[in-house]
N, C-alpha and C. Protein backbone atom coordinates (compact mmCIF):
# COMPACT_ATOMS: atom_id res chain seq x y z
N MET A 1 0.84 -1.19 0.00
CA MET A 1 0.00 0.00 0.00
C MET A 1 0.88 1.24 0.00
N LEU A 2 0.66 2.10 -0.92
CA LEU A 2 1.39 3.38 -0.99
C LEU A 2 0.36 4.49 -0.81
N ILE A 3 0.57 5.34 0.20
CA ILE A 3 -0.36 6.41 0.52
C ILE A 3 0.36 7.74 0.43
N THR A 4 -0.26 8.71 -0.19
CA THR A 4 0.30 10.06 -0.22
C THR A 4 -0.50 10.96 0.72
N ILE A 5 0.20 11.81 1.44
CA ILE A 5 -0.43 12.72 2.40
C ILE A 5 0.09 14.13 2.10
N ASP A 6 -0.81 14.99 1.70
CA ASP A 6 -0.42 16.37 1.35
C ASP A 6 -0.39 17.25 2.60
N ASP A 7 0.43 18.29 2.52
CA ASP A 7 0.45 19.35 3.55
C ASP A 7 0.62 18.80 4.96
N VAL A 8 1.57 17.92 5.13
CA VAL A 8 1.88 17.42 6.47
C VAL A 8 2.42 18.56 7.33
N LEU A 9 3.27 19.38 6.75
CA LEU A 9 3.80 20.55 7.44
C LEU A 9 3.03 21.79 7.02
N THR A 10 2.84 22.70 7.95
CA THR A 10 2.26 24.00 7.61
C THR A 10 3.33 24.83 6.89
N PRO A 11 2.94 25.88 6.16
CA PRO A 11 3.96 26.74 5.53
C PRO A 11 4.97 27.30 6.53
N ALA A 12 4.50 27.67 7.73
CA ALA A 12 5.42 28.21 8.74
C ALA A 12 6.40 27.15 9.20
N GLU A 13 5.91 25.93 9.43
CA GLU A 13 6.80 24.84 9.85
C GLU A 13 7.81 24.52 8.76
N LEU A 14 7.33 24.49 7.53
CA LEU A 14 8.23 24.19 6.41
C LEU A 14 9.33 25.23 6.29
N ALA A 15 8.97 26.50 6.46
CA ALA A 15 9.97 27.57 6.38
C ALA A 15 11.00 27.42 7.49
N THR A 16 10.54 27.08 8.69
CA THR A 16 11.46 26.90 9.82
C THR A 16 12.40 25.73 9.57
N VAL A 17 11.84 24.62 9.10
CA VAL A 17 12.66 23.43 8.83
C VAL A 17 13.72 23.74 7.77
N LYS A 18 13.32 24.39 6.69
CA LYS A 18 14.27 24.67 5.61
C LYS A 18 15.36 25.64 6.07
N ASP A 19 14.98 26.61 6.90
CA ASP A 19 15.98 27.57 7.41
C ASP A 19 17.02 26.85 8.27
N ARG A 20 16.55 25.97 9.17
CA ARG A 20 17.49 25.29 10.06
C ARG A 20 18.35 24.28 9.31
N LEU A 21 17.78 23.65 8.29
CA LEU A 21 18.59 22.72 7.48
C LEU A 21 19.65 23.48 6.68
N GLU A 22 19.29 24.68 6.24
CA GLU A 22 20.24 25.48 5.48
C GLU A 22 21.45 25.86 6.33
N ARG A 23 21.24 25.97 7.64
CA ARG A 23 22.33 26.38 8.55
C ARG A 23 22.99 25.18 9.23
N SER A 24 22.70 23.97 8.77
CA SER A 24 23.23 22.76 9.40
C SER A 24 24.49 22.27 8.71
N VAL A 25 25.26 21.48 9.45
CA VAL A 25 26.46 20.83 8.91
C VAL A 25 26.09 19.37 8.63
N TRP A 26 26.34 18.92 7.39
CA TRP A 26 25.91 17.60 6.96
C TRP A 26 27.07 16.61 6.99
N ALA A 27 26.72 15.32 7.06
CA ALA A 27 27.72 14.25 7.03
C ALA A 27 27.37 13.28 5.90
N GLY A 28 28.25 12.30 5.69
CA GLY A 28 27.98 11.29 4.66
C GLY A 28 26.75 10.46 5.02
N GLY A 29 25.93 10.14 4.05
CA GLY A 29 24.68 9.44 4.30
C GLY A 29 24.83 8.00 4.72
N GLU A 30 26.06 7.44 4.59
CA GLU A 30 26.25 6.03 4.94
C GLU A 30 26.18 5.78 6.44
N ILE A 31 26.06 6.85 7.25
CA ILE A 31 26.11 6.67 8.71
C ILE A 31 24.95 5.85 9.25
N THR A 32 23.83 5.79 8.51
CA THR A 32 22.71 4.98 9.00
C THR A 32 22.37 3.83 8.07
N ALA A 33 23.23 3.55 7.09
CA ALA A 33 22.93 2.49 6.13
C ALA A 33 23.52 1.17 6.60
N GLY A 34 22.84 0.08 6.30
CA GLY A 34 23.39 -1.23 6.54
C GLY A 34 24.50 -1.53 5.55
N THR A 35 25.14 -2.67 5.70
CA THR A 35 26.29 -3.01 4.86
C THR A 35 25.94 -2.99 3.37
N GLN A 36 24.83 -3.62 3.03
CA GLN A 36 24.43 -3.68 1.62
C GLN A 36 23.99 -2.31 1.11
N ALA A 37 23.14 -1.61 1.91
CA ALA A 37 22.61 -0.32 1.47
C ALA A 37 23.73 0.71 1.31
N ALA A 38 24.78 0.62 2.17
CA ALA A 38 25.87 1.58 2.10
C ALA A 38 26.58 1.55 0.75
N LEU A 39 26.54 0.40 0.07
CA LEU A 39 27.20 0.29 -1.23
C LEU A 39 26.50 1.12 -2.29
N SER A 40 25.22 1.38 -2.11
CA SER A 40 24.47 2.12 -3.14
C SER A 40 24.03 3.50 -2.66
N LYS A 41 24.39 3.86 -1.42
CA LYS A 41 23.94 5.13 -0.86
C LYS A 41 25.01 6.21 -1.06
N ASN A 42 24.65 7.25 -1.76
CA ASN A 42 25.60 8.32 -2.07
C ASN A 42 24.89 9.66 -1.90
N ASN A 43 24.72 10.06 -0.64
CA ASN A 43 24.05 11.34 -0.36
C ASN A 43 24.63 11.93 0.93
N ARG A 44 23.99 12.95 1.45
CA ARG A 44 24.40 13.58 2.70
C ARG A 44 23.28 13.43 3.71
N GLN A 45 23.63 13.50 4.99
CA GLN A 45 22.63 13.29 6.03
C GLN A 45 23.02 14.07 7.27
N LEU A 46 22.02 14.52 8.03
CA LEU A 46 22.32 15.19 9.29
C LEU A 46 22.83 14.17 10.31
N PRO A 47 24.00 14.39 10.91
CA PRO A 47 24.50 13.46 11.94
C PRO A 47 23.72 13.64 13.23
N GLU A 48 23.82 12.68 14.12
CA GLU A 48 23.07 12.70 15.37
C GLU A 48 23.43 13.89 16.26
N ASP A 49 24.64 14.43 16.09
CA ASP A 49 25.03 15.57 16.93
C ASP A 49 24.78 16.91 16.24
N ALA A 50 24.02 16.91 15.16
CA ALA A 50 23.72 18.17 14.46
C ALA A 50 22.95 19.11 15.38
N GLU A 51 23.31 20.36 15.35
CA GLU A 51 22.77 21.34 16.30
C GLU A 51 21.24 21.42 16.27
N HIS A 52 20.66 21.43 15.09
CA HIS A 52 19.22 21.67 14.98
C HIS A 52 18.39 20.38 14.91
N LEU A 53 19.04 19.23 14.96
CA LEU A 53 18.30 17.98 14.75
C LEU A 53 17.18 17.76 15.77
N PRO A 54 17.40 17.99 17.07
CA PRO A 54 16.29 17.76 18.02
C PRO A 54 15.06 18.62 17.70
N ALA A 55 15.27 19.89 17.38
CA ALA A 55 14.13 20.77 17.07
C ALA A 55 13.44 20.34 15.78
N LEU A 56 14.22 19.95 14.79
CA LEU A 56 13.64 19.48 13.52
C LEU A 56 12.78 18.24 13.74
N ARG A 57 13.28 17.34 14.55
CA ARG A 57 12.51 16.12 14.83
C ARG A 57 11.22 16.44 15.56
N ARG A 58 11.27 17.38 16.50
CA ARG A 58 10.04 17.74 17.24
C ARG A 58 8.99 18.30 16.28
N ILE A 59 9.42 19.10 15.33
CA ILE A 59 8.46 19.69 14.37
C ILE A 59 7.79 18.59 13.56
N VAL A 60 8.59 17.66 13.03
CA VAL A 60 8.03 16.60 12.18
C VAL A 60 7.13 15.66 13.00
N LEU A 61 7.59 15.26 14.16
CA LEU A 61 6.78 14.34 14.97
C LEU A 61 5.48 15.00 15.43
N GLY A 62 5.54 16.30 15.73
CA GLY A 62 4.32 17.01 16.09
C GLY A 62 3.33 17.05 14.94
N ALA A 63 3.85 17.26 13.73
CA ALA A 63 2.97 17.28 12.55
C ALA A 63 2.35 15.92 12.31
N LEU A 64 3.10 14.86 12.50
CA LEU A 64 2.55 13.51 12.31
C LEU A 64 1.48 13.21 13.35
N GLN A 65 1.70 13.67 14.56
CA GLN A 65 0.76 13.38 15.64
C GLN A 65 -0.62 13.99 15.39
N ARG A 66 -0.68 15.09 14.70
CA ARG A 66 -1.99 15.74 14.48
C ARG A 66 -2.60 15.34 13.13
N ASN A 67 -1.95 14.43 12.41
CA ASN A 67 -2.43 14.07 11.07
C ASN A 67 -3.21 12.75 11.11
N PRO A 68 -4.54 12.76 10.97
CA PRO A 68 -5.32 11.53 11.08
C PRO A 68 -5.07 10.54 9.94
N LEU A 69 -4.74 11.05 8.75
CA LEU A 69 -4.49 10.14 7.63
C LEU A 69 -3.21 9.34 7.86
N PHE A 70 -2.19 9.99 8.42
CA PHE A 70 -0.97 9.25 8.74
C PHE A 70 -1.26 8.14 9.74
N PHE A 71 -2.07 8.45 10.76
CA PHE A 71 -2.39 7.42 11.75
C PHE A 71 -3.13 6.25 11.09
N THR A 72 -4.10 6.57 10.24
CA THR A 72 -4.87 5.51 9.58
C THR A 72 -4.00 4.65 8.67
N ALA A 73 -3.07 5.28 7.98
CA ALA A 73 -2.24 4.55 7.02
C ALA A 73 -1.17 3.70 7.71
N ALA A 74 -0.56 4.25 8.76
CA ALA A 74 0.58 3.56 9.38
C ALA A 74 0.21 2.83 10.67
N LEU A 75 -0.84 3.26 11.35
CA LEU A 75 -1.20 2.73 12.67
C LEU A 75 0.07 2.61 13.53
N PRO A 76 0.72 3.74 13.78
CA PRO A 76 2.05 3.70 14.40
C PRO A 76 2.02 3.26 15.86
N ALA A 77 2.89 2.33 16.19
CA ALA A 77 3.14 1.98 17.58
C ALA A 77 4.33 2.78 18.10
N ARG A 78 5.38 2.85 17.28
CA ARG A 78 6.56 3.64 17.62
C ARG A 78 7.16 4.22 16.34
N ILE A 79 7.74 5.39 16.45
CA ILE A 79 8.39 6.03 15.31
C ILE A 79 9.84 6.31 15.69
N LEU A 80 10.76 5.84 14.87
CA LEU A 80 12.16 6.17 15.10
C LEU A 80 12.34 7.66 14.83
N PRO A 81 13.10 8.39 15.66
CA PRO A 81 13.30 9.82 15.40
C PRO A 81 13.70 10.06 13.95
N PRO A 82 13.01 10.97 13.26
CA PRO A 82 13.22 11.16 11.81
C PRO A 82 14.65 11.59 11.47
N PHE A 83 15.05 11.26 10.24
CA PHE A 83 16.35 11.64 9.69
C PHE A 83 16.13 12.62 8.54
N PHE A 84 17.21 13.33 8.19
CA PHE A 84 17.13 14.31 7.11
C PHE A 84 18.28 14.07 6.14
N ASN A 85 17.97 14.06 4.85
CA ASN A 85 19.02 13.82 3.86
C ASN A 85 19.00 14.86 2.75
N ARG A 86 20.11 14.90 2.02
CA ARG A 86 20.29 15.91 0.97
C ARG A 86 21.00 15.27 -0.20
N TYR A 87 20.52 15.57 -1.40
CA TYR A 87 21.13 15.07 -2.62
C TYR A 87 21.49 16.26 -3.50
N GLU A 88 22.77 16.34 -3.86
CA GLU A 88 23.20 17.39 -4.80
C GLU A 88 24.65 17.13 -5.17
N GLY A 89 25.11 17.75 -6.27
CA GLY A 89 26.49 17.61 -6.70
C GLY A 89 26.87 16.17 -6.97
N ASP A 90 28.03 15.78 -6.42
CA ASP A 90 28.52 14.42 -6.63
C ASP A 90 27.85 13.40 -5.70
N GLN A 91 27.13 13.87 -4.71
CA GLN A 91 26.45 12.96 -3.77
C GLN A 91 24.95 13.08 -4.03
N ASN A 92 24.50 12.32 -5.00
CA ASN A 92 23.20 12.66 -5.59
C ASN A 92 22.26 11.48 -5.82
N TYR A 93 22.52 10.31 -5.26
CA TYR A 93 21.61 9.20 -5.53
C TYR A 93 21.64 8.18 -4.38
N TYR A 94 20.63 7.33 -4.39
CA TYR A 94 20.58 6.17 -3.48
C TYR A 94 19.97 5.05 -4.30
N GLY A 95 20.82 4.09 -4.69
CA GLY A 95 20.38 3.02 -5.58
C GLY A 95 19.39 2.07 -4.93
N ASN A 96 18.96 1.09 -5.69
CA ASN A 96 17.96 0.12 -5.22
C ASN A 96 18.38 -0.52 -3.89
N HIS A 97 17.46 -0.54 -2.94
CA HIS A 97 17.73 -1.15 -1.64
C HIS A 97 16.41 -1.44 -0.94
N VAL A 98 16.50 -2.24 0.10
CA VAL A 98 15.36 -2.49 1.00
C VAL A 98 15.78 -2.02 2.39
N ASP A 99 14.91 -1.27 3.05
CA ASP A 99 15.25 -0.77 4.38
C ASP A 99 15.43 -1.93 5.37
N GLY A 100 16.43 -1.79 6.24
CA GLY A 100 16.69 -2.83 7.23
C GLY A 100 15.47 -3.06 8.12
N ALA A 101 15.27 -4.31 8.51
CA ALA A 101 14.08 -4.66 9.29
C ALA A 101 14.13 -4.13 10.71
N MET A 102 15.31 -4.10 11.31
CA MET A 102 15.42 -3.71 12.71
C MET A 102 16.29 -2.46 12.82
N ARG A 103 15.84 -1.50 13.62
CA ARG A 103 16.54 -0.23 13.81
C ARG A 103 16.79 -0.01 15.30
N ILE A 104 17.97 0.45 15.63
CA ILE A 104 18.30 0.68 17.04
C ILE A 104 17.63 1.96 17.52
N LEU A 105 16.94 1.86 18.64
CA LEU A 105 16.28 3.03 19.23
C LEU A 105 17.27 3.83 20.07
N PRO A 106 17.12 5.15 20.14
CA PRO A 106 18.05 5.97 20.93
C PRO A 106 18.09 5.55 22.40
N GLU A 107 16.94 5.13 22.93
CA GLU A 107 16.89 4.76 24.34
C GLU A 107 17.27 3.31 24.59
N GLY A 108 17.68 2.61 23.53
CA GLY A 108 18.04 1.20 23.64
C GLY A 108 16.95 0.32 23.08
N GLY A 109 17.31 -0.91 22.75
CA GLY A 109 16.33 -1.81 22.14
C GLY A 109 16.19 -1.54 20.64
N TYR A 110 15.21 -2.19 20.05
CA TYR A 110 15.06 -2.11 18.60
C TYR A 110 13.63 -1.77 18.20
N LEU A 111 13.52 -1.16 17.06
CA LEU A 111 12.24 -0.91 16.42
C LEU A 111 12.17 -1.75 15.16
N ARG A 112 11.06 -2.45 14.98
CA ARG A 112 10.86 -3.21 13.74
C ARG A 112 10.29 -2.27 12.69
N ALA A 113 11.01 -2.08 11.60
CA ALA A 113 10.55 -1.16 10.55
C ALA A 113 9.51 -1.86 9.68
N ASP A 114 8.24 -1.53 9.90
CA ASP A 114 7.15 -2.05 9.05
C ASP A 114 6.81 -1.07 7.94
N VAL A 115 6.88 0.20 8.27
CA VAL A 115 6.44 1.26 7.35
C VAL A 115 7.56 2.29 7.22
N SER A 116 7.82 2.72 5.99
CA SER A 116 8.77 3.80 5.74
C SER A 116 8.01 5.02 5.22
N ALA A 117 8.57 6.19 5.44
CA ALA A 117 7.91 7.40 4.96
C ALA A 117 8.96 8.41 4.54
N THR A 118 8.68 9.13 3.47
CA THR A 118 9.55 10.21 3.01
C THR A 118 8.73 11.50 2.97
N LEU A 119 9.22 12.51 3.68
CA LEU A 119 8.59 13.82 3.70
C LEU A 119 9.42 14.75 2.82
N PHE A 120 8.84 15.23 1.75
CA PHE A 120 9.58 16.07 0.80
C PHE A 120 9.72 17.48 1.36
N LEU A 121 10.94 18.04 1.26
CA LEU A 121 11.20 19.37 1.80
C LEU A 121 11.67 20.35 0.72
N SER A 122 11.93 19.86 -0.47
CA SER A 122 12.27 20.73 -1.61
C SER A 122 11.11 20.70 -2.60
N GLU A 123 10.86 21.84 -3.24
CA GLU A 123 9.84 21.86 -4.28
C GLU A 123 10.34 21.12 -5.51
N PRO A 124 9.46 20.45 -6.25
CA PRO A 124 9.89 19.64 -7.42
C PRO A 124 10.68 20.44 -8.45
N GLU A 125 10.34 21.72 -8.61
CA GLU A 125 11.03 22.52 -9.62
C GLU A 125 12.42 22.97 -9.18
N GLU A 126 12.77 22.70 -7.92
CA GLU A 126 14.09 23.09 -7.42
C GLU A 126 15.18 22.11 -7.83
N TYR A 127 14.80 20.96 -8.40
CA TYR A 127 15.82 19.99 -8.79
C TYR A 127 15.29 19.10 -9.93
N GLU A 128 16.23 18.53 -10.66
CA GLU A 128 15.89 17.56 -11.71
C GLU A 128 16.38 16.19 -11.26
N GLY A 129 15.64 15.15 -11.65
CA GLY A 129 15.93 13.81 -11.15
C GLY A 129 15.41 13.69 -9.73
N GLY A 130 16.08 12.87 -8.92
CA GLY A 130 15.68 12.77 -7.51
C GLY A 130 14.31 12.17 -7.30
N VAL A 131 13.87 11.32 -8.23
CA VAL A 131 12.57 10.66 -8.10
C VAL A 131 12.69 9.50 -7.13
N LEU A 132 11.72 9.36 -6.26
CA LEU A 132 11.65 8.19 -5.38
C LEU A 132 10.86 7.11 -6.12
N ALA A 133 11.57 6.05 -6.53
CA ALA A 133 10.95 4.96 -7.29
C ALA A 133 10.77 3.77 -6.36
N ILE A 134 9.52 3.29 -6.23
CA ILE A 134 9.18 2.24 -5.27
C ILE A 134 8.55 1.07 -6.01
N GLU A 135 9.07 -0.13 -5.73
CA GLU A 135 8.57 -1.35 -6.38
C GLU A 135 8.01 -2.29 -5.32
N ASP A 136 6.75 -2.68 -5.48
CA ASP A 136 6.13 -3.59 -4.51
C ASP A 136 4.96 -4.28 -5.20
N THR A 137 4.09 -4.92 -4.39
CA THR A 137 2.96 -5.65 -4.97
C THR A 137 2.00 -4.71 -5.71
N PHE A 138 2.05 -3.42 -5.40
CA PHE A 138 1.21 -2.45 -6.11
C PHE A 138 1.82 -2.03 -7.44
N GLY A 139 2.99 -2.59 -7.80
CA GLY A 139 3.64 -2.25 -9.06
C GLY A 139 4.79 -1.28 -8.84
N ASN A 140 5.20 -0.61 -9.90
CA ASN A 140 6.28 0.37 -9.82
C ASN A 140 5.68 1.77 -9.78
N ARG A 141 6.06 2.53 -8.76
CA ARG A 141 5.56 3.90 -8.63
C ARG A 141 6.73 4.86 -8.52
N GLU A 142 6.61 6.01 -9.17
CA GLU A 142 7.62 7.05 -9.07
C GLU A 142 6.97 8.29 -8.49
N VAL A 143 7.53 8.82 -7.41
CA VAL A 143 6.90 9.96 -6.75
C VAL A 143 7.90 11.10 -6.57
N LYS A 144 7.37 12.29 -6.67
CA LYS A 144 8.15 13.52 -6.48
C LYS A 144 7.12 14.60 -6.13
N PHE A 145 6.96 14.84 -4.83
CA PHE A 145 5.86 15.67 -4.36
C PHE A 145 6.33 17.08 -4.01
N ARG A 146 5.34 17.91 -3.77
CA ARG A 146 5.62 19.28 -3.34
C ARG A 146 6.17 19.25 -1.91
N ALA A 147 6.91 20.29 -1.55
CA ALA A 147 7.48 20.38 -0.21
C ALA A 147 6.38 20.39 0.84
N GLY A 148 6.57 19.59 1.89
CA GLY A 148 5.59 19.49 2.95
C GLY A 148 4.68 18.29 2.82
N SER A 149 4.75 17.58 1.68
CA SER A 149 3.93 16.40 1.47
C SER A 149 4.75 15.13 1.67
N MET A 150 4.06 14.03 1.88
CA MET A 150 4.74 12.80 2.30
C MET A 150 4.19 11.59 1.57
N VAL A 151 5.04 10.58 1.41
CA VAL A 151 4.60 9.28 0.89
C VAL A 151 4.90 8.23 1.96
N VAL A 152 3.95 7.33 2.16
CA VAL A 152 4.06 6.25 3.15
C VAL A 152 3.98 4.93 2.40
N TYR A 153 4.91 4.00 2.66
CA TYR A 153 4.95 2.75 1.91
C TYR A 153 5.59 1.65 2.78
N PRO A 154 5.41 0.37 2.40
CA PRO A 154 5.99 -0.71 3.21
C PRO A 154 7.51 -0.67 3.21
N SER A 155 8.11 -0.86 4.37
CA SER A 155 9.58 -0.87 4.45
C SER A 155 10.18 -2.03 3.67
N SER A 156 9.38 -3.04 3.38
CA SER A 156 9.86 -4.19 2.63
C SER A 156 9.99 -3.92 1.13
N SER A 157 9.56 -2.76 0.67
CA SER A 157 9.60 -2.43 -0.76
C SER A 157 11.04 -2.21 -1.22
N VAL A 158 11.33 -2.62 -2.45
CA VAL A 158 12.59 -2.22 -3.09
C VAL A 158 12.40 -0.79 -3.61
N HIS A 159 13.31 0.11 -3.25
CA HIS A 159 13.13 1.50 -3.69
C HIS A 159 14.48 2.17 -3.89
N GLN A 160 14.46 3.30 -4.57
CA GLN A 160 15.68 4.05 -4.84
C GLN A 160 15.34 5.53 -5.03
N VAL A 161 16.36 6.36 -4.90
CA VAL A 161 16.26 7.77 -5.30
C VAL A 161 17.17 7.95 -6.50
N THR A 162 16.58 8.33 -7.62
CA THR A 162 17.36 8.45 -8.85
C THR A 162 18.29 9.67 -8.76
N PRO A 163 19.38 9.69 -9.53
CA PRO A 163 20.36 10.78 -9.43
C PRO A 163 19.73 12.17 -9.62
N VAL A 164 20.13 13.08 -8.77
CA VAL A 164 19.74 14.49 -8.91
C VAL A 164 20.75 15.12 -9.87
N THR A 165 20.28 15.57 -11.01
CA THR A 165 21.18 16.09 -12.05
C THR A 165 21.26 17.61 -12.05
N ARG A 166 20.36 18.26 -11.31
CA ARG A 166 20.42 19.73 -11.16
C ARG A 166 19.76 20.11 -9.85
N GLY A 167 20.33 21.09 -9.17
CA GLY A 167 19.71 21.59 -7.95
C GLY A 167 19.96 20.71 -6.74
N ARG A 168 19.09 20.86 -5.76
CA ARG A 168 19.26 20.18 -4.48
C ARG A 168 17.92 19.58 -4.04
N ARG A 169 17.99 18.34 -3.61
CA ARG A 169 16.79 17.66 -3.10
C ARG A 169 17.01 17.39 -1.61
N ILE A 170 16.15 17.97 -0.77
CA ILE A 170 16.22 17.73 0.67
C ILE A 170 14.92 17.06 1.12
N ALA A 171 15.07 16.07 1.97
CA ALA A 171 13.89 15.33 2.43
C ALA A 171 14.11 14.85 3.86
N CYS A 172 13.04 14.42 4.46
CA CYS A 172 13.07 13.78 5.77
C CYS A 172 12.56 12.35 5.56
N PHE A 173 13.23 11.40 6.20
CA PHE A 173 12.75 10.02 6.07
C PHE A 173 12.67 9.40 7.45
N MET A 174 11.80 8.41 7.56
CA MET A 174 11.56 7.82 8.89
C MET A 174 11.05 6.40 8.77
N PHE A 175 11.18 5.69 9.90
CA PHE A 175 10.76 4.29 9.99
C PHE A 175 9.77 4.14 11.14
N ILE A 176 8.73 3.36 10.87
CA ILE A 176 7.64 3.22 11.84
C ILE A 176 7.38 1.75 12.12
N GLN A 177 7.26 1.42 13.39
CA GLN A 177 6.75 0.10 13.76
C GLN A 177 5.24 0.24 13.93
N SER A 178 4.52 -0.56 13.18
CA SER A 178 3.06 -0.45 13.19
C SER A 178 2.45 -1.34 14.27
N MET A 179 1.31 -0.90 14.80
CA MET A 179 0.56 -1.75 15.72
C MET A 179 0.09 -3.02 15.01
N VAL A 180 -0.09 -2.93 13.68
CA VAL A 180 -0.53 -4.08 12.89
C VAL A 180 0.62 -4.48 11.97
N ARG A 181 1.27 -5.56 12.32
CA ARG A 181 2.50 -5.96 11.63
C ARG A 181 2.26 -6.35 10.17
N ASP A 182 1.16 -7.05 9.90
CA ASP A 182 0.90 -7.58 8.57
C ASP A 182 0.41 -6.48 7.62
N ALA A 183 1.10 -6.31 6.49
CA ALA A 183 0.76 -5.24 5.56
C ALA A 183 -0.64 -5.44 4.95
N GLY A 184 -1.04 -6.68 4.72
CA GLY A 184 -2.36 -6.95 4.16
C GLY A 184 -3.47 -6.53 5.12
N ARG A 185 -3.28 -6.79 6.41
CA ARG A 185 -4.27 -6.39 7.40
C ARG A 185 -4.32 -4.88 7.55
N ARG A 186 -3.14 -4.23 7.49
CA ARG A 186 -3.14 -2.76 7.53
C ARG A 186 -3.92 -2.18 6.37
N ARG A 187 -3.78 -2.80 5.21
CA ARG A 187 -4.51 -2.32 4.03
C ARG A 187 -6.02 -2.48 4.22
N LEU A 188 -6.45 -3.63 4.75
CA LEU A 188 -7.88 -3.83 4.99
C LEU A 188 -8.43 -2.79 5.96
N LEU A 189 -7.70 -2.52 7.03
CA LEU A 189 -8.15 -1.53 8.01
C LEU A 189 -8.19 -0.13 7.41
N TYR A 190 -7.19 0.18 6.59
CA TYR A 190 -7.17 1.50 5.94
C TYR A 190 -8.38 1.66 5.01
N ASP A 191 -8.63 0.64 4.19
CA ASP A 191 -9.77 0.72 3.27
C ASP A 191 -11.09 0.85 4.04
N MET A 192 -11.23 0.09 5.11
CA MET A 192 -12.46 0.16 5.90
C MET A 192 -12.63 1.53 6.54
N ASP A 193 -11.54 2.07 7.08
CA ASP A 193 -11.62 3.38 7.72
C ASP A 193 -11.99 4.46 6.71
N MET A 194 -11.42 4.41 5.52
CA MET A 194 -11.74 5.40 4.49
C MET A 194 -13.20 5.27 4.04
N ALA A 195 -13.68 4.03 3.93
CA ALA A 195 -15.08 3.82 3.54
C ALA A 195 -16.03 4.32 4.63
N LEU A 196 -15.68 4.09 5.88
CA LEU A 196 -16.50 4.58 6.99
C LEU A 196 -16.56 6.10 6.99
N LEU A 197 -15.44 6.73 6.69
CA LEU A 197 -15.42 8.19 6.63
C LEU A 197 -16.41 8.70 5.58
N GLN A 198 -16.42 8.07 4.42
CA GLN A 198 -17.34 8.48 3.35
C GLN A 198 -18.79 8.22 3.75
N LEU A 199 -19.05 7.08 4.41
CA LEU A 199 -20.42 6.77 4.84
C LEU A 199 -20.92 7.79 5.87
N ARG A 200 -20.04 8.19 6.78
CA ARG A 200 -20.44 9.18 7.79
C ARG A 200 -20.79 10.51 7.12
N GLN A 201 -19.97 10.89 6.16
CA GLN A 201 -20.22 12.16 5.48
C GLN A 201 -21.51 12.12 4.68
N ALA A 202 -21.84 10.95 4.10
CA ALA A 202 -23.02 10.84 3.25
C ALA A 202 -24.29 10.60 4.05
N HIS A 203 -24.21 9.83 5.14
CA HIS A 203 -25.44 9.38 5.83
C HIS A 203 -25.47 9.72 7.32
N GLY A 204 -24.36 10.22 7.86
CA GLY A 204 -24.34 10.49 9.29
C GLY A 204 -24.08 9.23 10.10
N GLU A 205 -24.24 9.37 11.41
CA GLU A 205 -23.95 8.25 12.31
C GLU A 205 -25.17 7.33 12.42
N THR A 206 -25.52 6.68 11.33
CA THR A 206 -26.65 5.75 11.32
C THR A 206 -26.28 4.47 12.07
N ALA A 207 -27.30 3.65 12.38
CA ALA A 207 -27.03 2.41 13.11
C ALA A 207 -26.07 1.49 12.36
N PRO A 208 -26.25 1.29 11.02
CA PRO A 208 -25.28 0.43 10.32
C PRO A 208 -23.85 0.99 10.36
N VAL A 209 -23.73 2.32 10.28
CA VAL A 209 -22.39 2.92 10.33
C VAL A 209 -21.76 2.66 11.70
N VAL A 210 -22.56 2.79 12.75
CA VAL A 210 -22.04 2.52 14.10
C VAL A 210 -21.58 1.07 14.22
N ARG A 211 -22.39 0.15 13.65
CA ARG A 211 -22.00 -1.27 13.73
C ARG A 211 -20.71 -1.53 12.95
N LEU A 212 -20.61 -0.96 11.76
CA LEU A 212 -19.39 -1.15 10.97
C LEU A 212 -18.17 -0.54 11.66
N THR A 213 -18.38 0.60 12.32
CA THR A 213 -17.29 1.21 13.08
C THR A 213 -16.83 0.25 14.18
N GLY A 214 -17.79 -0.42 14.78
CA GLY A 214 -17.44 -1.42 15.80
C GLY A 214 -16.62 -2.56 15.21
N VAL A 215 -16.98 -2.98 14.00
CA VAL A 215 -16.21 -4.03 13.34
C VAL A 215 -14.76 -3.58 13.13
N TYR A 216 -14.59 -2.33 12.66
CA TYR A 216 -13.24 -1.80 12.46
C TYR A 216 -12.43 -1.87 13.76
N HIS A 217 -13.02 -1.35 14.82
CA HIS A 217 -12.27 -1.30 16.08
C HIS A 217 -12.03 -2.71 16.66
N ASN A 218 -12.97 -3.59 16.44
CA ASN A 218 -12.76 -4.96 16.95
C ASN A 218 -11.66 -5.67 16.17
N LEU A 219 -11.60 -5.43 14.86
CA LEU A 219 -10.49 -6.00 14.07
C LEU A 219 -9.16 -5.42 14.53
N LEU A 220 -9.14 -4.10 14.76
CA LEU A 220 -7.90 -3.48 15.23
C LEU A 220 -7.51 -4.04 16.59
N ARG A 221 -8.50 -4.22 17.46
CA ARG A 221 -8.23 -4.81 18.78
C ARG A 221 -7.66 -6.22 18.64
N HIS A 222 -8.18 -6.96 17.66
CA HIS A 222 -7.78 -8.35 17.45
C HIS A 222 -6.37 -8.46 16.86
N TRP A 223 -6.03 -7.53 15.97
CA TRP A 223 -4.77 -7.64 15.22
C TRP A 223 -3.63 -6.82 15.82
N ALA A 224 -3.95 -5.80 16.61
CA ALA A 224 -2.89 -4.90 17.11
C ALA A 224 -2.00 -5.62 18.11
N GLU A 225 -0.72 -5.28 18.08
CA GLU A 225 0.26 -5.83 19.01
C GLU A 225 0.67 -4.76 20.02
N GLY A 226 0.98 -5.20 21.20
CA GLY A 226 1.57 -4.30 22.17
C GLY A 226 0.59 -3.31 22.78
């Protein structure tokens, strides 16, 4: 399931994020790549000791927390603190790879990466290339969204960022452990929730809508972990 979410960040938040990233010192992107991914990763990334990283993460996590579509699509149990990357010049691509299944949490322990997300921070006209190409059971998709918008997709997908041939592409990426581990079940819950939303708008809180809402929550209760 690939879901797009527009306007995750407000214009004011986006301006703040871009300003702080512009004043940041970047490191090689291989710092968070696994052995295999590091061979194809050629970009820049904010290191963990970057001055503005804590504030940037708070802005993104706050935006996700108030976004109901993100919750419906990912059903997040835990979110690894977001990362920020940059593609330009000679460091301009990330070849085909699959995100690692387990990620170390800052407080210790591991997060199982079920869902990946990319939040675009550069406008599409600011760079050429830099397409996020994702291959999964839904087929091959290529995305390049406006700044402040996000794409959510299974971490198990094979994906890449094609070479940026002009300009600069800046984005935020993150990994989420979902309350519902199985991607097929997450898809069923997402479809049901979207259908319920349309039914409420068309017919109000009728008795059948209330019963179907109960089915949704009972399935979530049955399938959710932790």
